[in-house]
Protein backbone atom coordinates (compact mmCIF):
# COMPACT_ATOMS: atom_id res chain seq x y z
CA MET A 1 1.89 30.61 -76.72
CA ASP A 2 5.51 29.85 -76.13
CA THR A 3 8.16 32.05 -77.77
CA ILE A 4 8.25 31.85 -81.48
CA LYS A 5 11.67 30.88 -82.75
CA ALA A 6 11.03 29.14 -85.81
CA VAL A 7 8.65 30.23 -88.71
CA GLY A 8 7.22 28.05 -91.71
CA ILE A 9 5.81 29.31 -94.75
CA ILE A 10 3.40 27.46 -97.16
CA SER A 11 2.28 29.16 -100.42
CA LYS A 12 -0.18 28.82 -103.11
CA PRO A 13 1.43 28.49 -106.45
CA GLN A 14 1.31 30.99 -109.63
CA VAL A 15 0.16 33.94 -107.67
CA ASP A 16 1.79 37.25 -108.87
CA GLN A 17 1.01 39.04 -105.58
CA ALA A 18 2.69 36.37 -103.58
CA ALA A 19 5.84 36.94 -105.72
CA ARG A 20 6.00 40.66 -104.72
CA VAL A 21 4.95 40.06 -100.96
CA ILE A 22 6.71 36.92 -99.70
CA PRO A 23 10.50 37.84 -100.16
CA GLY A 24 9.88 40.93 -98.12
CA VAL A 25 8.21 38.86 -95.55
CA VAL A 26 11.06 36.39 -95.39
CA GLU A 27 13.43 39.19 -95.11
CA TRP A 28 11.61 40.78 -92.21
CA LEU A 29 11.48 37.42 -90.34
CA GLU A 30 15.15 36.82 -90.75
CA ALA A 31 16.17 40.24 -89.56
CA ARG A 32 14.47 39.36 -86.39
CA ARG A 33 16.65 36.27 -86.10
CA LEU A 34 13.99 33.75 -86.68
CA ALA A 35 14.61 30.26 -88.27
CA VAL A 36 12.33 30.42 -91.48
CA SER A 37 11.65 27.28 -93.55
CA PHE A 38 9.35 27.02 -96.53
CA ASP A 39 7.87 24.74 -99.05
CA GLU A 40 8.98 24.31 -102.72
CA VAL A 41 6.55 26.82 -103.98
CA THR A 42 7.69 29.50 -101.56
CA ALA A 43 11.41 28.77 -102.54
CA ALA A 44 10.51 29.61 -106.08
CA TYR A 45 9.00 32.92 -105.19
CA ILE A 46 12.12 34.01 -103.18
CA GLY A 47 14.80 32.32 -105.71
CA SER A 48 15.87 29.67 -103.08
CA LEU A 49 16.63 25.94 -103.73
CA GLY A 50 15.90 25.26 -100.00
CA GLY A 51 12.18 24.19 -100.45
CA ARG A 52 10.84 21.27 -98.27
CA SER A 53 7.80 19.20 -98.33
CA ARG A 54 4.74 20.88 -96.65
CA GLU A 55 4.75 18.21 -93.83
CA ASP A 56 8.50 18.74 -93.16
CA VAL A 57 7.72 22.55 -92.84
CA ALA A 58 4.79 22.17 -90.69
CA GLY A 59 6.52 19.86 -88.40
CA GLY A 60 9.41 22.05 -87.72
CA CYS A 61 8.14 25.52 -86.77
CA ASP A 62 6.39 27.28 -83.90
CA LEU A 63 4.23 29.43 -86.23
CA LEU A 64 2.97 28.64 -89.79
CA ILE A 65 2.42 31.27 -92.28
CA VAL A 66 -0.05 30.29 -95.21
CA PHE A 67 -0.03 32.45 -98.41
CA GLY A 68 -3.18 31.76 -100.40
CA GLY A 69 -6.83 31.17 -100.30
CA ASP A 70 -9.01 28.67 -98.12
CA GLY A 71 -7.84 25.82 -100.48
CA THR A 72 -4.27 26.36 -99.44
CA LEU A 73 -5.01 26.60 -95.66
CA LEU A 74 -7.10 23.32 -95.85
CA ALA A 75 -3.91 21.53 -97.31
CA ALA A 76 -1.80 23.32 -94.56
CA ALA A 77 -4.20 22.00 -91.87
CA ARG A 78 -3.87 18.41 -92.94
CA ALA A 79 0.15 18.84 -93.25
CA LEU A 80 0.05 19.76 -89.46
CA ARG A 81 -1.06 16.18 -88.78
CA GLY A 82 -2.66 17.02 -85.35
CA ARG A 83 0.18 19.35 -84.33
CA GLU A 84 -1.50 22.34 -82.73
CA ILE A 85 0.90 24.95 -84.17
CA PRO A 86 -1.08 28.31 -84.85
CA LEU A 87 -1.58 28.97 -88.54
CA PHE A 88 -1.29 32.73 -89.79
CA PRO A 89 -3.42 32.77 -92.80
CA VAL A 90 -2.87 35.28 -95.45
CA ASN A 91 -5.55 35.93 -98.11
CA LEU A 92 -4.33 35.71 -101.60
CA GLY A 93 -7.26 34.10 -103.03
CA GLY A 94 -10.74 35.10 -103.67
CA LEU A 95 -13.71 34.43 -101.21
CA GLY A 96 -11.31 33.45 -98.32
CA PHE A 97 -13.61 32.67 -95.18
CA LEU A 98 -10.65 31.34 -93.16
CA THR A 99 -7.73 33.39 -94.60
CA ALA A 100 -8.69 36.64 -93.10
CA ILE A 101 -5.52 38.62 -92.96
CA THR A 102 -4.93 40.99 -95.73
CA VAL A 103 -1.70 41.52 -97.44
CA ASP A 104 -1.52 45.03 -96.27
CA ALA A 105 -1.90 43.85 -92.58
CA VAL A 106 0.80 41.01 -92.79
CA LEU A 107 3.67 42.57 -91.06
CA PRO A 108 1.65 44.52 -88.36
CA GLU A 109 -0.07 41.36 -87.56
CA LEU A 110 3.18 39.24 -87.49
CA GLU A 111 4.46 41.71 -84.97
CA ARG A 112 1.43 41.26 -82.93
CA ALA A 113 1.98 37.38 -83.07
CA LEU A 114 5.54 37.70 -82.05
CA LEU A 115 4.71 39.93 -79.01
CA GLY A 116 2.03 37.27 -78.08
CA GLU A 117 -0.76 40.06 -78.52
CA HIS A 118 -2.53 37.97 -81.26
CA ARG A 119 -6.10 36.31 -81.06
CA ILE A 120 -6.54 32.79 -81.84
CA GLY A 121 -9.66 31.03 -83.04
CA THR A 122 -9.90 27.22 -82.70
CA ARG A 123 -11.63 25.17 -85.27
CA ARG A 124 -12.52 21.48 -84.71
CA MET A 125 -11.55 18.93 -87.11
CA LEU A 126 -13.22 15.87 -88.43
CA HIS A 127 -11.91 12.31 -88.46
CA CYS A 128 -12.99 9.81 -91.25
CA GLU A 129 -12.33 6.07 -91.58
CA VAL A 130 -13.27 3.77 -94.60
CA LEU A 131 -14.15 0.38 -93.49
CA ARG A 132 -14.09 -2.48 -95.99
CA ASP A 133 -15.25 -5.91 -94.86
CA GLY A 134 -15.31 -4.62 -91.23
CA VAL A 135 -11.52 -3.54 -91.48
CA ALA A 136 -10.45 -0.02 -91.66
CA THR A 137 -8.63 0.58 -94.88
CA ALA A 138 -8.04 4.20 -94.80
CA SER A 139 -8.09 7.15 -92.15
CA TYR A 140 -8.36 10.93 -92.89
CA GLY A 141 -8.56 14.24 -91.19
CA ALA A 142 -10.63 16.85 -92.62
CA LEU A 143 -11.23 20.65 -91.67
CA ASN A 144 -14.30 21.42 -93.80
CA ASP A 145 -16.06 18.31 -95.00
CA VAL A 146 -16.36 14.57 -95.87
CA VAL A 147 -18.12 14.23 -99.07
CA VAL A 148 -19.59 11.19 -100.88
CA THR A 149 -20.44 11.92 -104.35
CA LYS A 150 -21.44 10.00 -107.71
CA ALA A 151 -18.26 9.14 -109.65
CA SER A 152 -20.28 8.42 -112.98
CA ILE A 153 -22.00 10.93 -115.28
CA ALA A 154 -25.67 11.49 -114.70
CA ARG A 155 -26.03 8.60 -112.31
CA MET A 156 -27.22 8.97 -108.63
CA ILE A 157 -25.98 6.94 -105.87
CA ASP A 158 -27.58 5.12 -102.91
CA LEU A 159 -26.32 5.19 -99.42
CA ASP A 160 -27.70 4.58 -96.00
CA ALA A 161 -27.07 7.04 -93.27
CA PHE A 162 -26.76 6.42 -89.50
CA VAL A 163 -26.31 8.57 -86.54
CA ASP A 164 -24.92 6.69 -83.46
CA ASN A 165 -26.13 3.60 -85.02
CA ASN A 166 -29.65 4.89 -85.44
CA PHE A 167 -31.00 4.79 -89.18
CA VAL A 168 -31.52 8.29 -90.48
CA CYS A 169 -32.47 7.87 -94.34
CA ALA A 170 -31.70 5.73 -97.37
CA TYR A 171 -30.45 8.52 -99.65
CA LYS A 172 -30.75 8.51 -103.47
CA ALA A 173 -28.89 11.54 -104.54
CA ASP A 174 -25.89 13.08 -106.37
CA GLY A 175 -24.06 12.85 -102.98
CA LEU A 176 -24.10 13.68 -99.25
CA ILE A 177 -21.87 16.10 -97.41
CA ILE A 178 -20.80 15.84 -93.78
CA CYS A 179 -19.48 19.10 -92.62
CA THR A 180 -18.23 20.92 -89.50
CA PRO A 181 -19.15 24.42 -88.59
CA THR A 182 -15.91 25.67 -90.39
CA GLY A 183 -17.12 23.79 -93.52
CA SER A 184 -20.62 25.00 -93.23
CA THR A 185 -19.71 28.14 -95.40
CA ALA A 186 -18.07 25.89 -98.05
CA TYR A 187 -19.60 23.16 -100.28
CA SER A 188 -22.61 22.59 -97.90
CA LEU A 189 -23.64 26.04 -98.06
CA SER A 190 -23.91 25.95 -101.80
CA ALA A 191 -25.82 22.82 -101.58
CA GLY A 192 -28.37 24.45 -99.42
CA GLY A 193 -26.94 23.83 -96.12
CA PRO A 194 -27.27 26.22 -92.95
CA ILE A 195 -24.43 28.44 -91.74
CA ILE A 196 -23.20 27.17 -88.36
CA PHE A 197 -21.40 29.46 -85.98
CA PRO A 198 -17.93 28.19 -85.38
CA ARG A 199 -18.29 27.71 -81.69
CA VAL A 200 -21.23 25.62 -81.87
CA GLY A 201 -20.60 21.81 -81.32
CA ALA A 202 -22.42 20.41 -84.46
CA LEU A 203 -22.17 18.37 -87.67
CA CYS A 204 -24.29 18.68 -90.61
CA LEU A 205 -25.58 16.18 -93.03
CA THR A 206 -26.39 17.95 -96.34
CA PRO A 207 -27.65 15.88 -99.24
CA ILE A 208 -26.64 16.99 -102.77
CA CYS A 209 -29.54 17.05 -105.23
CA PRO A 210 -31.63 14.49 -103.58
CA HIS A 211 -34.31 12.61 -105.47
CA MET A 212 -36.63 13.07 -102.56
CA LEU A 213 -37.20 16.84 -102.22
CA THR A 214 -38.13 16.27 -98.44
CA ASN A 215 -34.63 15.32 -97.79
CA ARG A 216 -33.21 18.33 -96.01
CA PRO A 217 -29.99 19.20 -94.12
CA VAL A 218 -29.93 17.69 -90.67
CA ILE A 219 -27.76 19.05 -87.68
CA VAL A 220 -26.57 16.71 -85.16
CA PRO A 221 -24.26 16.98 -82.02
CA ASP A 222 -20.59 16.68 -82.80
CA THR A 223 -20.21 14.04 -80.18
CA ALA A 224 -22.26 11.73 -82.68
CA VAL A 225 -20.77 9.10 -84.90
CA ILE A 226 -22.14 9.35 -88.65
CA SER A 227 -21.84 6.16 -90.72
CA LEU A 228 -22.55 6.07 -94.23
CA LEU A 229 -23.10 2.48 -96.00
CA ILE A 230 -22.51 2.58 -99.57
CA ARG A 231 -25.38 0.74 -101.57
CA THR A 232 -23.93 1.64 -105.19
CA ARG A 233 -21.77 -0.74 -107.21
CA ASP A 234 -18.06 -0.59 -107.06
CA GLY A 235 -16.50 2.63 -108.33
CA ASP A 236 -19.83 4.64 -108.78
CA ALA A 237 -19.32 6.46 -105.47
CA TYR A 238 -16.36 8.53 -104.56
CA LEU A 239 -14.99 9.94 -101.13
CA THR A 240 -13.50 13.45 -101.04
CA LEU A 241 -12.09 15.03 -98.14
CA ASP A 242 -12.23 18.91 -98.04
CA GLY A 243 -12.36 18.72 -101.85
CA GLN A 244 -8.77 17.82 -102.27
CA ILE A 245 -8.03 14.20 -101.54
CA GLY A 246 -10.02 10.90 -101.51
CA GLU A 247 -10.73 7.45 -103.03
CA PRO A 248 -13.23 5.56 -104.93
CA LEU A 249 -15.56 3.50 -102.88
CA ARG A 250 -16.98 -0.02 -103.31
CA GLU A 251 -20.40 -1.49 -102.52
CA GLY A 252 -20.70 -2.33 -98.87
CA ASP A 253 -18.06 0.15 -97.80
CA LYS A 254 -18.64 2.01 -94.75
CA VAL A 255 -17.61 5.79 -94.23
CA VAL A 256 -17.46 6.52 -90.44
CA CYS A 257 -16.90 10.15 -89.42
CA SER A 258 -16.62 11.45 -85.90
CA ARG A 259 -15.34 14.52 -84.13
CA SER A 260 -11.54 14.54 -84.16
CA GLU A 261 -9.46 14.97 -81.11
CA HIS A 262 -7.44 17.72 -82.95
CA VAL A 263 -8.32 21.47 -83.31
CA LEU A 264 -6.75 23.93 -85.85
CA ARG A 265 -5.37 27.23 -84.19
CA LEU A 266 -6.07 30.07 -86.62
CA ILE A 267 -4.56 33.60 -85.87
CA ARG A 268 -7.40 36.13 -86.40
CA PRO A 269 -7.24 39.97 -87.09
CA PRO A 270 -8.15 41.66 -83.80
CA LYS A 271 -11.36 43.37 -85.04
CA SER A 272 -12.48 40.81 -87.43
CA MET A 273 -15.62 38.80 -86.07
CA PHE A 274 -17.45 35.94 -87.61
CA PHE A 275 -20.51 37.97 -88.68
CA ASP A 276 -18.02 40.74 -89.98
CA VAL A 277 -16.74 38.04 -92.44
CA LEU A 278 -20.05 36.88 -93.38
CA ARG A 279 -21.13 40.45 -94.42
CA GLN A 280 -17.92 41.00 -96.14
CA LYS A 281 -17.83 37.67 -98.21
CA LEU A 282 -21.45 37.18 -98.76
CA LYS A 283 -22.28 40.79 -99.69
CA TRP A 284 -24.79 40.95 -96.85
CA GLY A 285 -26.47 44.41 -96.21
CA GLU A 286 -24.92 47.01 -93.92
CA ARG A 287 -26.81 49.02 -91.67
């Protein structure tokens, strides 16, 4: 990685620990003559009026520090808009599969990053388009998943799924999740989907509470194009990206998902491997 000269900071709001930690990190960075920019949440933590939008912060740095949980990291990933700037994820949340750097290790790991001694893991993102009457009306990027769910109380939705134009299934369910390996430990996992090793080139279709109990998760190559045709009346189905943004869908809409050309570059702790994280976060047994 090129020499780091500018560092951006994005933070989760209303976290007491952040208010105690972030001012010292900013002081540490500035003492090393690095240009530091930050979002409005971070500005509030350090008592500054210099907060910027997350997109501006992400666009003007060589390294982006994210203080929060996985939700904050997902928002930061979208703010990068395809720029392959390394993310330095600090866990201030709960579960934190992606935000693996602890508060106690922030400064030592930052020192390693500035010296170029850090380890980077790459995570492929997902591209999603909404087609209405054959015309693309919206385009999104997601790190975890693309989800189509019911928008009404106690009403299942109907949709047809295709993989590379091959018909898979006519689903009647509460919804359907299309997830990346990164997203396999998120919503898909709670819906009964498999855990996928991050380097596996795959996507997973996981139905949510399907009417047919034989509808099980299906893993396909990440080179496949997955299309969902909405058969439910206008407004009864809703599209969500990473659980954070989305839009209502109309009958006849087509949701098309494919592997993005962009990857997320995550700085990882030197001795923390994928299965170490699983054992810690999921409380798996130790030897």
